PDB file of N, CA and C in Angstrom:
ATOM      1  N   UNK A   1      94.848  93.239 124.202  1.00  0.00           N
ATOM      2  CA  UNK A   1      95.665  93.242 123.010  1.00  0.00           C
ATOM      3  C   UNK A   1      95.826  94.673 122.522  1.00  0.00           C
ATOM      4  N   UNK A   2      97.052  95.016 122.206  1.00  0.00           N
ATOM      5  CA  UNK A   2      97.329  96.340 121.650  1.00  0.00           C
ATOM      6  C   UNK A   2      97.773  96.178 120.205  1.00  0.00           C
ATOM      7  N   UNK A   3      97.275  97.037 119.355  1.00  0.00           N
ATOM      8  CA  UNK A   3      97.615  96.968 117.943  1.00  0.00           C
ATOM      9  C   UNK A   3      98.796  97.882 117.656  1.00  0.00           C
ATOM     10  N   UNK A   4      99.655  97.440 116.723  1.00  0.00           N
ATOM     11  CA  UNK A   4     100.758  98.296 116.303  1.00  0.00           C
ATOM     12  C   UNK A   4     100.429  98.886 114.936  1.00  0.00           C
ATOM     13  N   UNK A   5     101.286  99.728 114.450  1.00  0.00           N
ATOM     14  CA  UNK A   5     101.033 100.398 113.174  1.00  0.00           C
ATOM     15  C   UNK A   5     101.751  99.709 112.010  1.00  0.00           C
ATOM     16  N   UNK A   6     102.450  98.609 112.301  1.00  0.00           N
ATOM     17  CA  UNK A   6     103.246  97.960 111.264  1.00  0.00           C
ATOM     18  C   UNK A   6     102.425  97.157 110.269  1.00  0.00           C
ATOM     19  N   UNK A   7     101.308  96.628 110.698  1.00  0.00           N
ATOM     20  CA  UNK A   7     100.480  95.837 109.783  1.00  0.00           C
ATOM     21  C   UNK A   7      99.011  96.168 110.031  1.00  0.00           C
ATOM     22  N   UNK A   8      98.162  95.867 109.069  1.00  0.00           N
ATOM     23  CA  UNK A   8      96.740  96.190 109.225  1.00  0.00           C
ATOM     24  C   UNK A   8      96.136  95.536 110.471  1.00  0.00           C
ATOM     25  N   UNK A   9      95.210  96.241 111.092  1.00  0.00           N
ATOM     26  CA  UNK A   9      94.579  95.766 112.328  1.00  0.00           C
ATOM     27  C   UNK A   9      93.897  94.420 112.113  1.00  0.00           C
ATOM     28  N   UNK A  10      93.232  94.254 110.967  1.00  0.00           N
ATOM     29  CA  UNK A  10      92.534  92.980 110.754  1.00  0.00           C
ATOM     30  C   UNK A  10      93.521  91.812 110.728  1.00  0.00           C
ATOM     31  N   UNK A  11      94.733  92.025 110.168  1.00  0.00           N
ATOM     32  CA  UNK A  11      95.747  90.966 110.148  1.00  0.00           C
ATOM     33  C   UNK A  11      96.222  90.644 111.564  1.00  0.00           C
ATOM     34  N   UNK A  12      96.381  91.676 112.378  1.00  0.00           N
ATOM     35  CA  UNK A  12      96.794  91.457 113.764  1.00  0.00           C
ATOM     36  C   UNK A  12      95.714  90.704 114.537  1.00  0.00           C
ATOM     37  N   UNK A  13      94.463  91.027 114.263  1.00  0.00           N
ATOM     38  CA  UNK A  13      93.350  90.341 114.915  1.00  0.00           C
ATOM     39  C   UNK A  13      93.309  88.870 114.484  1.00  0.00           C
ATOM     40  N   UNK A  14      93.505  88.608 113.202  1.00  0.00           N
ATOM     41  CA  UNK A  14      93.550  87.227 112.707  1.00  0.00           C
ATOM     42  C   UNK A  14      94.677  86.472 113.401  1.00  0.00           C
ATOM     43  N   UNK A  15      95.847  87.082 113.495  1.00  0.00           N
ATOM     44  CA  UNK A  15      96.982  86.422 114.155  1.00  0.00           C
ATOM     45  C   UNK A  15      96.660  86.125 115.622  1.00  0.00           C
ATOM     46  N   UNK A  16      96.026  87.060 116.289  1.00  0.00           N
ATOM     47  CA  UNK A  16      95.622  86.868 117.687  1.00  0.00           C
ATOM     48  C   UNK A  16      94.696  85.655 117.811  1.00  0.00           C
ATOM     49  N   UNK A  17      93.707  85.571 116.938  1.00  0.00           N
ATOM     50  CA  UNK A  17      92.777  84.442 116.961  1.00  0.00           C
ATOM     51  C   UNK A  17      93.499  83.141 116.634  1.00  0.00           C
ATOM     52  N   UNK A  18      94.425  83.181 115.679  1.00  0.00           N
ATOM     53  CA  UNK A  18      95.190  81.974 115.334  1.00  0.00           C
ATOM     54  C   UNK A  18      95.931  81.441 116.556  1.00  0.00           C
ATOM     55  N   UNK A  19      96.547  82.345 117.304  1.00  0.00           N
ATOM     56  CA  UNK A  19      97.264  81.917 118.508  1.00  0.00           C
ATOM     57  C   UNK A  19      96.312  81.295 119.519  1.00  0.00           C
ATOM     58  N   UNK A  20      95.124  81.878 119.669  1.00  0.00           N
ATOM     59  CA  UNK A  20      94.143  81.346 120.618  1.00  0.00           C
ATOM     60  C   UNK A  20      93.661  79.956 120.190  1.00  0.00           C
ATOM     61  N   UNK A  21      93.500  79.767 118.895  1.00  0.00           N
ATOM     62  CA  UNK A  21      93.089  78.457 118.380  1.00  0.00           C
ATOM     63  C   UNK A  21      94.217  77.451 118.570  1.00  0.00           C
ATOM     64  N   UNK A  22      95.427  77.851 118.201  1.00  0.00           N
ATOM     65  CA  UNK A  22      96.574  76.938 118.265  1.00  0.00           C
ATOM     66  C   UNK A  22      96.896  76.503 119.688  1.00  0.00           C
ATOM     67  N   UNK A  23      96.761  77.409 120.656  1.00  0.00           N
ATOM     68  CA  UNK A  23      97.118  77.039 122.032  1.00  0.00           C
ATOM     69  C   UNK A  23      95.958  76.402 122.795  1.00  0.00           C
ATOM     70  N   UNK A  24      94.817  76.249 122.126  1.00  0.00           N
ATOM     71  CA  UNK A  24      93.693  75.553 122.735  1.00  0.00           C
ATOM     72  C   UNK A  24      92.776  76.421 123.569  1.00  0.00           C
ATOM     73  N   UNK A  25      93.081  77.715 123.646  1.00  0.00           N
ATOM     74  CA  UNK A  25      92.196  78.613 124.391  1.00  0.00           C
ATOM     75  C   UNK A  25      90.823  78.690 123.718  1.00  0.00           C
ATOM     76  N   UNK A  26      90.826  78.656 122.388  1.00  0.00           N
ATOM     77  CA  UNK A  26      89.588  78.563 121.620  1.00  0.00           C
ATOM     78  C   UNK A  26      89.470  77.125 121.144  1.00  0.00           C
ATOM     79  N   UNK A  27      88.506  76.412 121.668  1.00  0.00           N
ATOM     80  CA  UNK A  27      88.320  74.997 121.368  1.00  0.00           C
ATOM     81  C   UNK A  27      87.527  74.793 120.072  1.00  0.00           C
ATOM     82  N   UNK A  28      87.760  73.655 119.385  1.00  0.00           N
ATOM     83  CA  UNK A  28      86.976  73.356 118.188  1.00  0.00           C
ATOM     84  C   UNK A  28      85.475  73.400 118.484  1.00  0.00           C
ATOM     85  N   UNK A  29      84.740  74.024 117.573  1.00  0.00           N
ATOM     86  CA  UNK A  29      83.292  74.130 117.722  1.00  0.00           C
ATOM     87  C   UNK A  29      82.832  75.258 118.625  1.00  0.00           C
ATOM     88  N   UNK A  30      83.763  75.929 119.285  1.00  0.00           N
ATOM     89  CA  UNK A  30      83.407  77.017 120.197  1.00  0.00           C
ATOM     90  C   UNK A  30      82.859  78.209 119.412  1.00  0.00           C
ATOM     91  N   UNK A  31      81.768  78.770 119.910  1.00  0.00           N
ATOM     92  CA  UNK A  31      81.182  79.957 119.285  1.00  0.00           C
ATOM     93  C   UNK A  31      82.026  81.182 119.622  1.00  0.00           C
ATOM     94  N   UNK A  32      82.245  82.002 118.632  1.00  0.00           N
ATOM     95  CA  UNK A  32      83.001  83.239 118.812  1.00  0.00           C
ATOM     96  C   UNK A  32      82.056  84.396 119.100  1.00  0.00           C
ATOM     97  N   UNK A  33      82.580  85.438 119.726  1.00  0.00           N
ATOM     98  CA  UNK A  33      81.759  86.637 119.919  1.00  0.00           C
ATOM     99  C   UNK A  33      81.347  87.202 118.550  1.00  0.00           C
ATOM    100  N   UNK A  34      80.269  87.943 118.538  1.00  0.00           N
ATOM    101  CA  UNK A  34      79.831  88.556 117.279  1.00  0.00           C
ATOM    102  C   UNK A  34      80.870  89.571 116.811  1.00  0.00           C
ATOM    103  N   UNK A  35      80.777  89.920 115.570  1.00  0.00           N
ATOM    104  CA  UNK A  35      81.701  90.916 115.018  1.00  0.00           C
ATOM    105  C   UNK A  35      81.551  92.247 115.755  1.00  0.00           C
ATOM    106  N   UNK A  36      80.326  92.584 116.108  1.00  0.00           N
ATOM    107  CA  UNK A  36      80.077  93.831 116.841  1.00  0.00           C
ATOM    108  C   UNK A  36      80.725  93.777 118.231  1.00  0.00           C
ATOM    109  N   UNK A  37      80.611  92.624 118.888  1.00  0.00           N
ATOM    110  CA  UNK A  37      81.239  92.472 120.209  1.00  0.00           C
ATOM    111  C   UNK A  37      82.760  92.590 120.104  1.00  0.00           C
ATOM    112  N   UNK A  38      83.324  91.986 119.060  1.00  0.00           N
ATOM    113  CA  UNK A  38      84.772  92.080 118.842  1.00  0.00           C
ATOM    114  C   UNK A  38      85.160  93.539 118.615  1.00  0.00           C
ATOM    115  N   UNK A  39      84.385  94.237 117.806  1.00  0.00           N
ATOM    116  CA  UNK A  39      84.668  95.654 117.534  1.00  0.00           C
ATOM    117  C   UNK A  39      84.637  96.464 118.827  1.00  0.00           C
ATOM    118  N   UNK A  40      83.650  96.214 119.677  1.00  0.00           N
ATOM    119  CA  UNK A  40      83.557  96.936 120.951  1.00  0.00           C
ATOM    120  C   UNK A  40      84.687  96.557 121.899  1.00  0.00           C
ATOM    121  N   UNK A  41      84.985  95.273 121.993  1.00  0.00           N
ATOM    122  CA  UNK A  41      86.039  94.802 122.900  1.00  0.00           C
ATOM    123  C   UNK A  41      87.392  95.397 122.540  1.00  0.00           C
ATOM    124  N   UNK A  42      87.723  95.363 121.251  1.00  0.00           N
ATOM    125  CA  UNK A  42      89.040  95.822 120.803  1.00  0.00           C
ATOM    126  C   UNK A  42      89.042  97.277 120.350  1.00  0.00           C
ATOM    127  N   UNK A  43      87.871  97.924 120.433  1.00  0.00           N
ATOM    128  CA  UNK A  43      87.740  99.332 120.043  1.00  0.00           C
ATOM    129  C   UNK A  43      88.228  99.551 118.609  1.00  0.00           C
ATOM    130  N   UNK A  44      87.656  98.734 117.719  1.00  0.00           N
ATOM    131  CA  UNK A  44      87.978  98.832 116.301  1.00  0.00           C
ATOM    132  C   UNK A  44      86.682  98.998 115.513  1.00  0.00           C
ATOM    133  N   UNK A  45      86.823  99.365 114.265  1.00  0.00           N
ATOM    134  CA  UNK A  45      85.678  99.515 113.380  1.00  0.00           C
ATOM    135  C   UNK A  45      85.045  98.141 113.143  1.00  0.00           C
ATOM    136  N   UNK A  46      83.716  98.033 113.186  1.00  0.00           N
ATOM    137  CA  UNK A  46      83.062  96.742 112.920  1.00  0.00           C
ATOM    138  C   UNK A  46      83.441  96.133 111.567  1.00  0.00           C
ATOM    139  N   UNK A  47      83.721  96.983 110.580  1.00  0.00           N
ATOM    140  CA  UNK A  47      84.148  96.474 109.273  1.00  0.00           C
ATOM    141  C   UNK A  47      85.503  95.777 109.360  1.00  0.00           C
ATOM    142  N   UNK A  48      86.352  96.239 110.273  1.00  0.00           N
ATOM    143  CA  UNK A  48      87.650  95.600 110.484  1.00  0.00           C
ATOM    144  C   UNK A  48      87.454  94.218 111.090  1.00  0.00           C
ATOM    145  N   UNK A  49      86.561  94.118 112.057  1.00  0.00           N
ATOM    146  CA  UNK A  49      86.246  92.815 112.653  1.00  0.00           C
ATOM    147  C   UNK A  49      85.663  91.891 111.591  1.00  0.00           C
ATOM    148  N   UNK A  50      84.777  92.422 110.760  1.00  0.00           N
ATOM    149  CA  UNK A  50      84.182  91.631 109.679  1.00  0.00           C
ATOM    150  C   UNK A  50      85.263  91.123 108.731  1.00  0.00           C
ATOM    151  N   UNK A  51      86.210  91.973 108.401  1.00  0.00           N
ATOM    152  CA  UNK A  51      87.284  91.567 107.480  1.00  0.00           C
ATOM    153  C   UNK A  51      88.139  90.462 108.098  1.00  0.00           C
ATOM    154  N   UNK A  52      88.412  90.561 109.395  1.00  0.00           N
ATOM    155  CA  UNK A  52      89.182  89.520 110.084  1.00  0.00           C
ATOM    156  C   UNK A  52      88.424  88.192 110.058  1.00  0.00           C
ATOM    157  N   UNK A  53      87.136  88.230 110.343  1.00  0.00           N
ATOM    158  CA  UNK A  53      86.330  87.006 110.333  1.00  0.00           C
ATOM    159  C   UNK A  53      86.290  86.409 108.922  1.00  0.00           C
ATOM    160  N   UNK A  54      86.130  87.267 107.917  1.00  0.00           N
ATOM    161  CA  UNK A  54      86.101  86.795 106.526  1.00  0.00           C
ATOM    162  C   UNK A  54      87.418  86.107 106.181  1.00  0.00           C
ATOM    163  N   UNK A  55      88.520  86.699 106.589  1.00  0.00           N
ATOM    164  CA  UNK A  55      89.848  86.118 106.347  1.00  0.00           C
ATOM    165  C   UNK A  55      89.973  84.752 107.021  1.00  0.00           C
ATOM    166  N   UNK A  56      89.503  84.649 108.264  1.00  0.00           N
ATOM    167  CA  UNK A  56      89.583  83.373 108.979  1.00  0.00           C
ATOM    168  C   UNK A  56      88.671  82.325 108.349  1.00  0.00           C
ATOM    169  N   UNK A  57      87.533  82.753 107.813  1.00  0.00           N
ATOM    170  CA  UNK A  57      86.651  81.814 107.101  1.00  0.00           C
ATOM    171  C   UNK A  57      87.333  81.304 105.837  1.00  0.00           C
ATOM    172  N   UNK A  58      87.990  82.205 105.106  1.00  0.00           N
ATOM    173  CA  UNK A  58      88.700  81.811 103.889  1.00  0.00           C
ATOM    174  C   UNK A  58      89.832  80.836 104.201  1.00  0.00           C
ATOM    175  N   UNK A  59      90.448  80.996 105.366  1.00  0.00           N
ATOM    176  CA  UNK A  59      91.530  80.101 105.784  1.00  0.00           C
ATOM    177  C   UNK A  59      90.996  78.839 106.461  1.00  0.00           C
ATOM    178  N   UNK A  60      89.679  78.715 106.513  1.00  0.00           N
ATOM    179  CA  UNK A  60      88.996  77.555 107.104  1.00  0.00           C
ATOM    180  C   UNK A  60      89.333  77.358 108.585  1.00  0.00           C
ATOM    181  N   UNK A  61      89.543  78.485 109.277  1.00  0.00           N
ATOM    182  CA  UNK A  61      89.781  78.452 110.721  1.00  0.00           C
ATOM    183  C   UNK A  61      88.472  78.567 111.489  1.00  0.00           C
ATOM    184  N   UNK A  62      87.496  79.232 110.871  1.00  0.00           N
ATOM    185  CA  UNK A  62      86.171  79.377 111.473  1.00  0.00           C
ATOM    186  C   UNK A  62      85.129  79.115 110.393  1.00  0.00           C
ATOM    187  N   UNK A  63      83.909  78.877 110.833  1.00  0.00           N
ATOM    188  CA  UNK A  63      82.799  78.712 109.893  1.00  0.00           C
ATOM    189  C   UNK A  63      81.566  79.359 110.488  1.00  0.00           C
ATOM    190  N   UNK A  64      80.663  79.756 109.604  1.00  0.00           N
ATOM    191  CA  UNK A  64      79.419  80.393 110.022  1.00  0.00           C
ATOM    192  C   UNK A  64      78.272  79.730 109.279  1.00  0.00           C
ATOM    193  N   UNK A  65      77.295  79.242 110.033  1.00  0.00           N
ATOM    194  CA  UNK A  65      76.099  78.639 109.443  1.00  0.00           C
ATOM    195  C   UNK A  65      74.934  79.608 109.578  1.00  0.00           C
ATOM    196  N   UNK A  66      74.516  80.173 108.458  1.00  0.00           N
ATOM    197  CA  UNK A  66      73.374  81.079 108.470  1.00  0.00           C
ATOM    198  C   UNK A  66      73.571  82.253 109.404  1.00  0.00           C
ATOM    199  N   UNK A  67      72.583  82.479 110.271  1.00  0.00           N
ATOM    200  CA  UNK A  67      72.648  83.588 111.222  1.00  0.00           C
ATOM    201  C   UNK A  67      73.216  83.168 112.570  1.00  0.00           C
ATOM    202  N   UNK A  68      73.753  81.961 112.650  1.00  0.00           N
ATOM    203  CA  UNK A  68      74.352  81.483 113.900  1.00  0.00           C
ATOM    204  C   UNK A  68      75.700  82.157 114.118  1.00  0.00           C
ATOM    205  N   UNK A  69      76.176  82.167 115.360  1.00  0.00           N
ATOM    206  CA  UNK A  69      77.508  82.726 115.611  1.00  0.00           C
ATOM    207  C   UNK A  69      78.586  81.928 114.873  1.00  0.00           C
ATOM    208  N   UNK A  70      79.651  82.598 114.500  1.00  0.00           N
ATOM    209  CA  UNK A  70      80.787  81.907 113.889  1.00  0.00           C
ATOM    210  C   UNK A  70      81.406  80.988 114.924  1.00  0.00           C
ATOM    211  N   UNK A  71      81.939  79.865 114.452  1.00  0.00           N
ATOM    212  CA  UNK A  71      82.532  78.876 115.351  1.00  0.00           C
ATOM    213  C   UNK A  71      83.912  78.472 114.863  1.00  0.00           C
ATOM    214  N   UNK A  72      84.729  78.015 115.807  1.00  0.00           N
ATOM    215  CA  UNK A  72      86.060  77.506 115.494  1.00  0.00           C
ATOM    216  C   UNK A  72      85.911  76.195 114.732  1.00  0.00           C
ATOM    217  N   UNK A  73      86.758  75.985 113.739  1.00  0.00           N
ATOM    218  CA  UNK A  73      86.707  74.756 112.962  1.00  0.00           C
ATOM    219  C   UNK A  73      86.833  73.516 113.848  1.00  0.00           C
ATOM    220  N   UNK A  74      86.189  72.454 113.428  1.00  0.00           N
ATOM    221  CA  UNK A  74      86.324  71.156 114.089  1.00  0.00           C
ATOM    222  C   UNK A  74      87.379  70.298 113.400  1.00  0.00           C
ATOM    223  N   UNK A  75      87.975  70.821 112.344  1.00  0.00           N
ATOM    224  CA  UNK A  75      88.948  70.088 111.540  1.00  0.00           C
ATOM    225  C   UNK A  75      90.300  70.043 112.271  1.00  0.00           C
ATOM    226  N   UNK A  76      90.575  68.907 112.909  1.00  0.00           N
ATOM    227  CA  UNK A  76      91.811  68.764 113.687  1.00  0.00           C
ATOM    228  C   UNK A  76      93.058  68.888 112.809  1.00  0.00           C
ATOM    229  N   UNK A  77      92.975  68.419 111.566  1.00  0.00           N
ATOM    230  CA  UNK A  77      94.119  68.538 110.659  1.00  0.00           C
ATOM    231  C   UNK A  77      94.413  70.011 110.374  1.00  0.00           C
ATOM    232  N   UNK A  78      93.369  70.816 110.191  1.00  0.00           N
ATOM    233  CA  UNK A  78      93.557  72.250 109.935  1.00  0.00           C
ATOM    234  C   UNK A  78      94.190  72.923 111.147  1.00  0.00           C
ATOM    235  N   UNK A  79      93.781  72.529 112.357  1.00  0.00           N
ATOM    236  CA  UNK A  79      94.353  73.101 113.579  1.00  0.00           C
ATOM    237  C   UNK A  79      95.823  72.695 113.711  1.00  0.00           C
ATOM    238  N   UNK A  80      96.125  71.443 113.379  1.00  0.00           N
ATOM    239  CA  UNK A  80      97.523  70.986 113.414  1.00  0.00           C
ATOM    240  C   UNK A  80      98.364  71.786 112.422  1.00  0.00           C
ATOM    241  N   UNK A  81      97.842  71.993 111.209  1.00  0.00           N
ATOM    242  CA  UNK A  81      98.546  72.793 110.207  1.00  0.00           C
ATOM    243  C   UNK A  81      98.798  74.204 110.723  1.00  0.00           C
ATOM    244  N   UNK A  82      97.816  74.764 111.405  1.00  0.00           N
ATOM    245  CA  UNK A  82      97.955  76.105 111.975  1.00  0.00           C
ATOM    246  C   UNK A  82      99.079  76.135 113.000  1.00  0.00           C
ATOM    247  N   UNK A  83      99.103  75.156 113.902  1.00  0.00           N
ATOM    248  CA  UNK A  83     100.163  75.095 114.916  1.00  0.00           C
ATOM    249  C   UNK A  83     101.539  75.027 114.264  1.00  0.00           C
ATOM    250  N   UNK A  84     101.661  74.166 113.260  1.00  0.00           N
ATOM    251  CA  UNK A  84     102.944  74.021 112.571  1.00  0.00           C
ATOM    252  C   UNK A  84     103.335  75.308 111.848  1.00  0.00           C
ATOM    253  N   UNK A  85     102.371  75.993 111.254  1.00  0.00           N
ATOM    254  CA  UNK A  85     102.662  77.252 110.565  1.00  0.00           C
ATOM    255  C   UNK A  85     103.145  78.315 111.547  1.00  0.00           C
ATOM    256  N   UNK A  86     102.495  78.407 112.707  1.00  0.00           N
ATOM    257  CA  UNK A  86     102.902  79.407 113.700  1.00  0.00           C
ATOM    258  C   UNK A  86     104.301  79.118 114.231  1.00  0.00           C
ATOM    259  N   UNK A  87     104.607  77.848 114.510  1.00  0.00           N
ATOM    260  CA  UNK A  87     105.939  77.529 115.028  1.00  0.00           C
ATOM    261  C   UNK A  87     106.988  77.725 113.934  1.00  0.00           C
ATOM    262  N   UNK A  88     106.621  77.474 112.685  1.00  0.00           N
ATOM    263  CA  UNK A  88     107.556  77.704 111.578  1.00  0.00           C
ATOM    264  C   UNK A  88     107.897  79.186 111.451  1.00  0.00           C
ATOM    265  N   UNK A  89     106.893  80.050 111.621  1.00  0.00           N
ATOM    266  CA  UNK A  89     107.141  81.501 111.591  1.00  0.00           C
ATOM    267  C   UNK A  89     108.120  81.894 112.689  1.00  0.00           C
ATOM    268  N   UNK A  90     107.892  81.370 113.888  1.00  0.00           N
ATOM    269  CA  UNK A  90     108.771  81.691 115.015  1.00  0.00           C
ATOM    270  C   UNK A  90     110.181  81.164 114.762  1.00  0.00           C
ATOM    271  N   UNK A  91     110.278  79.967 114.201  1.00  0.00           N
ATOM    272  CA  UNK A  91     111.592  79.397 113.900  1.00  0.00           C
ATOM    273  C   UNK A  91     112.323  80.211 112.843  1.00  0.00           C
ATOM    274  N   UNK A  92     111.606  80.670 111.834  1.00  0.00           N
ATOM    275  CA  UNK A  92     112.229  81.500 110.801  1.00  0.00           C
ATOM    276  C   UNK A  92     112.853  82.746 111.413  1.00  0.00           C
ATOM    277  N   UNK A  93     112.129  83.381 112.315  1.00  0.00           N
ATOM    278  CA  UNK A  93     112.653  84.576 112.984  1.00  0.00           C
ATOM    279  C   UNK A  93     113.853  84.228 113.856  1.00  0.00           C
ATOM    280  N   UNK A  94     113.748  83.127 114.603  1.00  0.00           N
ATOM    281  CA  UNK A  94     114.830  82.687 115.478  1.00  0.00           C
ATOM    282  C   UNK A  94     116.091  82.381 114.667  1.00  0.00           C
ATOM    283  N   UNK A  95     115.928  81.669 113.568  1.00  0.00           N
ATOM    284  CA  UNK A  95     117.076  81.311 112.734  1.00  0.00           C
ATOM    285  C   UNK A  95     117.709  82.558 112.129  1.00  0.00           C
ATOM    286  N   UNK A  96     116.896  83.488 111.659  1.00  0.00           N
ATOM    287  CA  UNK A  96     117.421  84.721 111.075  1.00  0.00           C
ATOM    288  C   UNK A  96     118.248  85.502 112.090  1.00  0.00           C
ATOM    289  N   UNK A  97     117.748  85.624 113.315  1.00  0.00           N
ATOM    290  CA  UNK A  97     118.490  86.340 114.363  1.00  0.00           C
ATOM    291  C   UNK A  97     119.760  85.578 114.721  1.00  0.00           C
ATOM    292  N   UNK A  98     119.668  84.262 114.829  1.00  0.00           N
ATOM    293  CA  UNK A  98     120.835  83.437 115.162  1.00  0.00           C
ATOM    294  C   UNK A  98     121.939  83.615 114.130  1.00  0.00           C
ATOM    295  N   UNK A  99     121.559  83.641 112.851  1.00  0.00           N
ATOM    296  CA  UNK A  99     122.544  83.820 111.785  1.00  0.00           C
ATOM    297  C   UNK A  99     123.169  85.213 111.848  1.00  0.00           C
ATOM    298  N   UNK A 100     122.333  86.229 112.107  1.00  0.00           N
ATOM    299  CA  UNK A 100     122.859  87.596 112.216  1.00  0.00           C
ATOM    300  C   UNK A 100     123.869  87.711 113.349  1.00  0.00           C
ATOM    301  N   UNK A 101     123.625  86.958 114.420  1.00  0.00           N
ATOM    302  CA  UNK A 101     124.524  86.997 115.574  1.00  0.00           C
ATOM    303  C   UNK A 101     125.734  86.083 115.404  1.00  0.00           C
ATOM    304  N   UNK A 102     125.782  85.369 114.294  1.00  0.00           N
ATOM    305  CA  UNK A 102     126.928  84.528 113.998  1.00  0.00           C
ATOM    306  C   UNK A 102     126.969  83.210 114.757  1.00  0.00           C
ATOM    307  N   UNK A 103     125.831  82.756 115.255  1.00  0.00           N
ATOM    308  CA  UNK A 103     125.808  81.489 115.980  1.00  0.00           C
ATOM    309  C   UNK A 103     125.873  80.327 114.996  1.00  0.00           C
ATOM    310  N   UNK A 104     126.626  79.309 115.368  1.00  0.00           N
ATOM    311  CA  UNK A 104     126.711  78.116 114.532  1.00  0.00           C
ATOM    312  C   UNK A 104     125.482  77.242 114.755  1.00  0.00           C
ATOM    313  N   UNK A 105     125.297  76.291 113.855  1.00  0.00           N
ATOM    314  CA  UNK A 105     124.193  75.343 113.981  1.00  0.00           C
ATOM    315  C   UNK A 105     124.309  74.583 115.296  1.00  0.00           C
ATOM    316  N   UNK A 106     125.512  74.183 115.646  1.00  0.00           N
ATOM    317  CA  UNK A 106     125.730  73.444 116.900  1.00  0.00           C
ATOM    318  C   UNK A 106     125.376  74.302 118.113  1.00  0.00           C
ATOM    319  N   UNK A 107     125.743  75.575 118.093  1.00  0.00           N
ATOM    320  CA  UNK A 107     125.405  76.472 119.204  1.00  0.00           C
ATOM    321  C   UNK A 107     123.890  76.642 119.329  1.00  0.00           C
ATOM    322  N   UNK A 108     123.234  76.757 118.194  1.00  0.00           N
ATOM    323  CA  UNK A 108     121.778  76.913 118.196  1.00  0.00           C
ATOM    324  C   UNK A 108     121.116  75.655 118.745  1.00  0.00           C
ATOM    325  N   UNK A 109     121.561  74.485 118.284  1.00  0.00           N
ATOM    326  CA  UNK A 109     121.016  73.215 118.781  1.00  0.00           C
ATOM    327  C   UNK A 109     121.209  73.090 120.289  1.00  0.00           C
ATOM    328  N   UNK A 110     122.402  73.436 120.746  1.00  0.00           N
ATOM    329  CA  UNK A 110     122.704  73.358 122.182  1.00  0.00           C
ATOM    330  C   UNK A 110     121.803  74.306 122.971  1.00  0.00           C
ATOM    331  N   UNK A 111     121.621  75.497 122.467  1.00  0.00           N
ATOM    332  CA  UNK A 111     120.763  76.484 123.127  1.00  0.00           C
ATOM    333  C   UNK A 111     119.319  75.988 123.200  1.00  0.00           C
ATOM    334  N   UNK A 112     118.823  75.452 122.099  1.00  0.00           N
ATOM    335  CA  UNK A 112     117.447  74.940 122.079  1.00  0.00           C
ATOM    336  C   UNK A 112     117.295  73.804 123.076  1.00  0.00           C
ATOM    337  N   UNK A 113     118.220  72.850 123.050  1.00  0.00           N
ATOM    338  CA  UNK A 113     118.137  71.713 123.977  1.00  0.00           C
ATOM    339  C   UNK A 113     118.160  72.172 125.429  1.00  0.00           C
ATOM    340  N   UNK A 114     119.049  73.106 125.738  1.00  0.00           N
ATOM    341  CA  UNK A 114     119.165  73.601 127.111  1.00  0.00           C
ATOM    342  C   UNK A 114     117.873  74.282 127.553  1.00  0.00           C
ATOM    343  N   UNK A 115     117.358  75.177 126.712  1.00  0.00           N
ATOM    344  CA  UNK A 115     116.134  75.908 127.066  1.00  0.00           C
ATOM    345  C   UNK A 115     114.936  74.977 127.169  1.00  0.00           C
ATOM    346  N   UNK A 116     114.868  73.998 126.290  1.00  0.00           N
ATOM    347  CA  UNK A 116     113.758  73.051 126.317  1.00  0.00           C
ATOM    348  C   UNK A 116     113.787  72.248 127.609  1.00  0.00           C
ATOM    349  N   UNK A 117     114.967  71.789 127.991  1.00  0.00           N
ATOM    350  CA  UNK A 117     115.106  71.039 129.245  1.00  0.00           C
ATOM    351  C   UNK A 117     114.744  71.913 130.449  1.00  0.00           C
ATOM    352  N   UNK A 118     115.150  73.183 130.419  1.00  0.00           N
ATOM    353  CA  UNK A 118     114.794  74.104 131.505  1.00  0.00           C
ATOM    354  C   UNK A 118     113.278  74.263 131.607  1.00  0.00           C
ATOM    355  N   UNK A 119     112.605  74.362 130.475  1.00  0.00           N
ATOM    356  CA  UNK A 119     111.144  74.492 130.477  1.00  0.00           C
ATOM    357  C   UNK A 119     110.471  73.240 131.020  1.00  0.00           C
ATOM    358  N   UNK A 120     110.982  72.076 130.635  1.00  0.00           N
ATOM    359  CA  UNK A 120     110.424  70.816 131.145  1.00  0.00           C
ATOM    360  C   UNK A 120     110.596  70.752 132.658  1.00  0.00           C
ATOM    361  N   UNK A 121     111.776  71.118 133.128  1.00  0.00           N
ATOM    362  CA  UNK A 121     112.040  71.108 134.571  1.00  0.00           C
ATOM    363  C   UNK A 121     111.131  72.106 135.289  1.00  0.00           C
ATOM    364  N   UNK A 122     110.966  73.269 134.709  1.00  0.00           N
ATOM    365  CA  UNK A 122     110.096  74.291 135.291  1.00  0.00           C
ATOM    366  C   UNK A 122     108.663  73.776 135.402  1.00  0.00           C
ATOM    367  N   UNK A 123     108.184  73.129 134.323  1.00  0.00           N
ATOM    368  CA  UNK A 123     106.822  72.581 134.324  1.00  0.00           C
ATOM    369  C   UNK A 123     106.652  71.509 135.395  1.00  0.00           C
ATOM    370  N   UNK A 124     107.670  70.709 135.612  1.00  0.00           N
ATOM    371  CA  UNK A 124     107.602  69.655 136.635  1.00  0.00           C
ATOM    372  C   UNK A 124     107.527  70.247 138.038  1.00  0.00           C
ATOM    373  N   UNK A 125     108.131  71.410 138.218  1.00  0.00           N
ATOM    374  CA  UNK A 125     108.167  72.042 139.540  1.00  0.00           C
ATOM    375  C   UNK A 125     106.890  72.805 139.865  1.00  0.00           C
ATOM    376  N   UNK A 126     106.007  72.927 138.910  1.00  0.00           N
ATOM    377  CA  UNK A 126     104.752  73.664 139.156  1.00  0.00           C
ATOM    378  C   UNK A 126     103.762  72.843 139.928  1.00  0.00           C
TER     379      UNK A 126
END
């Protein structure tokens, strides 16, 4: 993962973890690396890793019991909400670009249907 300068590193790290949780790469109840390990892996300040973990705890994406490693939430409803929030963000960007390009609602619907069918066909061929 490479960080950009547009937003704080801790926010980018939180977003990265959200994607991992939403796509199932990080399973419910899975223990996360320590904050120090995250800092070393991503070559960031340990305080930045701590801030990202604190943010995810506040959002109820992870939990920490005592001195145990932090773990991914077991709350399936929270994970579903996360998935919907991430896809909503992507849709907002897609719709904004579509409007800027002057595409009609019908053109957008047709494009989505076509691409979705192509992806389904691609998955079947794997």
